[in-house]
Amino acid sequence: MKRESAAILLRIFIGESDRYKGKPLYMHIVEMLKAEGIAGATVFRGIMGFGRHSFIHTVSILRLSTDLPILIEVADLEENIDRIRPKLDEVINQGLITEEKVKIVFYDSDNKNKIPVANY
C-alpha cells in the first residue's frame, strides 16, 4: 500500500561533542522526539565538515577531530514540527536548523504481522 502526504523536513546540524545535561545532544534530541510522538528521526555522523568558525572537522588520521558534524533529519506533519520547535530552541545552543516542505511517499505492505508504524 502507498500513501502520500505533505510534511516538513527538519535538518538539525550540530557537533558530535555538543552536550545537554551531560548526555550527547543528538541522543537527547532523538529521545525527546520519540517521547513527543514524532514519526521518525535519523542521525548521520559526517566524515568531514566546517561551520560558522570555518574550522574543518575530519576523520583524517592527520587531523583527527573529536567534534565531527552530526546531522539529524526529522520528517513529520507541519503541526508536529511546530509543536517540537520550542523544545529544540531550549536545548540547542550552537548549530543550524533548516526546514523545508516535502512530500512523503510511504510504502507499507498489508501484512498484519508487521510492527505498526506511525501514520503520516
Protein backbone atom coordinates (compact mmCIF):
# COMPACT_ATOMS: atom_id res chain seq x y z
CA MET A 1 0.00 0.00 0.00
CA LYS A 2 1.24 3.50 -0.82
CA ARG A 3 0.25 6.73 0.96
CA GLU A 4 1.29 10.29 0.21
CA SER A 5 1.10 13.43 2.34
CA ALA A 6 2.62 16.85 2.73
CA ALA A 7 5.15 17.17 5.54
CA ILE A 8 8.07 19.19 6.88
CA LEU A 9 11.68 18.01 6.78
CA LEU A 10 13.91 19.42 9.51
CA ARG A 11 17.66 19.09 9.28
CA ILE A 12 19.45 19.77 12.53
CA PHE A 13 23.20 20.41 12.23
CA ILE A 14 25.16 20.11 15.48
CA GLY A 15 28.57 18.87 16.61
CA GLU A 16 29.41 15.45 17.97
CA SER A 17 30.80 16.99 21.16
CA ASP A 18 27.64 19.04 21.88
CA ARG A 19 26.03 18.01 25.15
CA TYR A 20 22.80 18.57 27.06
CA LYS A 21 22.87 17.77 30.79
CA GLY A 22 25.96 15.60 30.29
CA LYS A 23 24.44 13.48 27.51
CA PRO A 24 25.33 13.78 23.82
CA LEU A 25 22.91 16.34 22.38
CA TYR A 26 21.97 14.18 19.40
CA MET A 27 20.88 11.38 21.79
CA HIS A 28 18.83 13.79 23.88
CA ILE A 29 17.14 15.22 20.77
CA VAL A 30 16.23 11.81 19.32
CA GLU A 31 14.88 10.59 22.67
CA MET A 32 12.86 13.81 23.04
CA LEU A 33 11.46 13.46 19.50
CA LYS A 34 10.43 9.87 20.22
CA ALA A 35 8.78 10.87 23.51
CA GLU A 36 6.90 13.63 21.66
CA GLY A 37 5.49 11.13 19.17
CA ILE A 38 7.37 12.38 16.12
CA ALA A 39 7.10 9.96 13.17
CA GLY A 40 10.84 9.35 12.85
CA ALA A 41 14.36 10.72 13.05
CA THR A 42 17.74 9.61 11.73
CA VAL A 43 21.19 10.69 12.94
CA PHE A 44 24.08 10.91 10.47
CA ARG A 45 27.71 11.32 11.51
CA GLY A 46 29.71 13.28 8.98
CA ILE A 47 33.24 12.38 7.95
CA MET A 48 34.16 15.99 7.27
CA GLY A 49 32.68 19.46 7.58
CA PHE A 50 33.05 23.01 8.80
CA GLY A 51 30.69 25.54 10.28
CA ARG A 52 30.46 29.10 11.45
CA HIS A 53 34.04 29.29 12.71
CA SER A 54 35.45 27.74 9.49
CA PHE A 55 37.41 25.10 11.39
CA ILE A 56 37.50 21.86 9.39
CA HIS A 57 36.49 18.77 11.36
CA THR A 58 37.54 15.48 9.78
CA VAL A 59 38.19 11.80 10.42
CA SER A 60 41.53 12.06 8.61
CA ILE A 61 44.37 10.46 10.57
CA LEU A 62 46.45 13.60 10.15
CA ARG A 63 43.72 15.89 11.54
CA LEU A 64 41.58 13.62 13.70
CA SER A 65 38.66 15.61 15.14
CA THR A 66 36.72 14.93 18.31
CA ASP A 67 33.86 17.10 17.09
CA LEU A 68 32.62 15.64 13.82
CA PRO A 69 29.47 17.03 12.22
CA ILE A 70 26.16 15.46 13.23
CA LEU A 71 23.00 15.77 11.13
CA ILE A 72 19.59 14.80 12.49
CA GLU A 73 16.83 14.51 9.91
CA VAL A 74 13.23 14.64 11.06
CA ALA A 75 10.16 14.38 8.82
CA ASP A 76 6.61 14.78 10.10
CA LEU A 77 3.42 16.75 9.67
CA GLU A 78 3.71 20.53 9.99
CA GLU A 79 1.68 20.69 13.22
CA ASN A 80 4.00 18.15 14.88
CA ILE A 81 7.11 20.03 13.79
CA ASP A 82 5.58 23.30 15.06
CA ARG A 83 4.95 21.62 18.42
CA ILE A 84 8.54 20.43 18.94
CA ARG A 85 10.34 23.52 17.60
CA PRO A 86 10.29 25.37 21.00
CA LYS A 87 11.75 22.28 22.68
CA LEU A 88 14.62 22.30 20.18
CA ASP A 89 15.18 26.00 20.90
CA GLU A 90 15.66 25.12 24.58
CA VAL A 91 18.41 22.54 24.03
CA ILE A 92 20.40 23.77 21.01
CA ASN A 93 22.94 26.46 21.91
CA GLN A 94 25.02 26.31 18.76
CA GLY A 95 24.07 24.79 15.45
CA LEU A 96 21.77 25.23 12.50
CA ILE A 97 18.27 24.02 11.62
CA THR A 98 16.89 24.03 8.10
CA GLU A 99 13.27 23.42 7.28
CA GLU A 100 11.56 22.62 4.00
CA LYS A 101 8.21 21.38 2.76
CA VAL A 102 8.35 17.87 1.35
CA LYS A 103 6.01 15.24 0.01
CA ILE A 104 6.20 11.94 1.83
CA VAL A 105 5.55 8.74 -0.07
CA PHE A 106 5.07 5.99 2.49
CA TYR A 107 5.09 2.35 1.39
CA ASP A 108 3.66 -0.36 3.62
CA SER A 109 2.55 -3.91 3.00
CA ASP A 110 -0.83 -5.19 4.09
CA ASN A 111 0.89 -7.83 6.24
CA LYS A 112 -0.80 -7.67 9.68
CA ASN A 113 2.19 -9.33 11.40
CA LYS A 114 4.46 -6.35 10.80
CA ILE A 115 5.30 -3.89 13.55
CA PRO A 116 2.94 -0.88 13.34
CA VAL A 117 4.49 2.41 12.20
CA ALA A 118 3.48 5.99 12.83
CA ASN A 119 0.86 7.36 10.48
CA TYR A 120 1.73 10.38 8.41
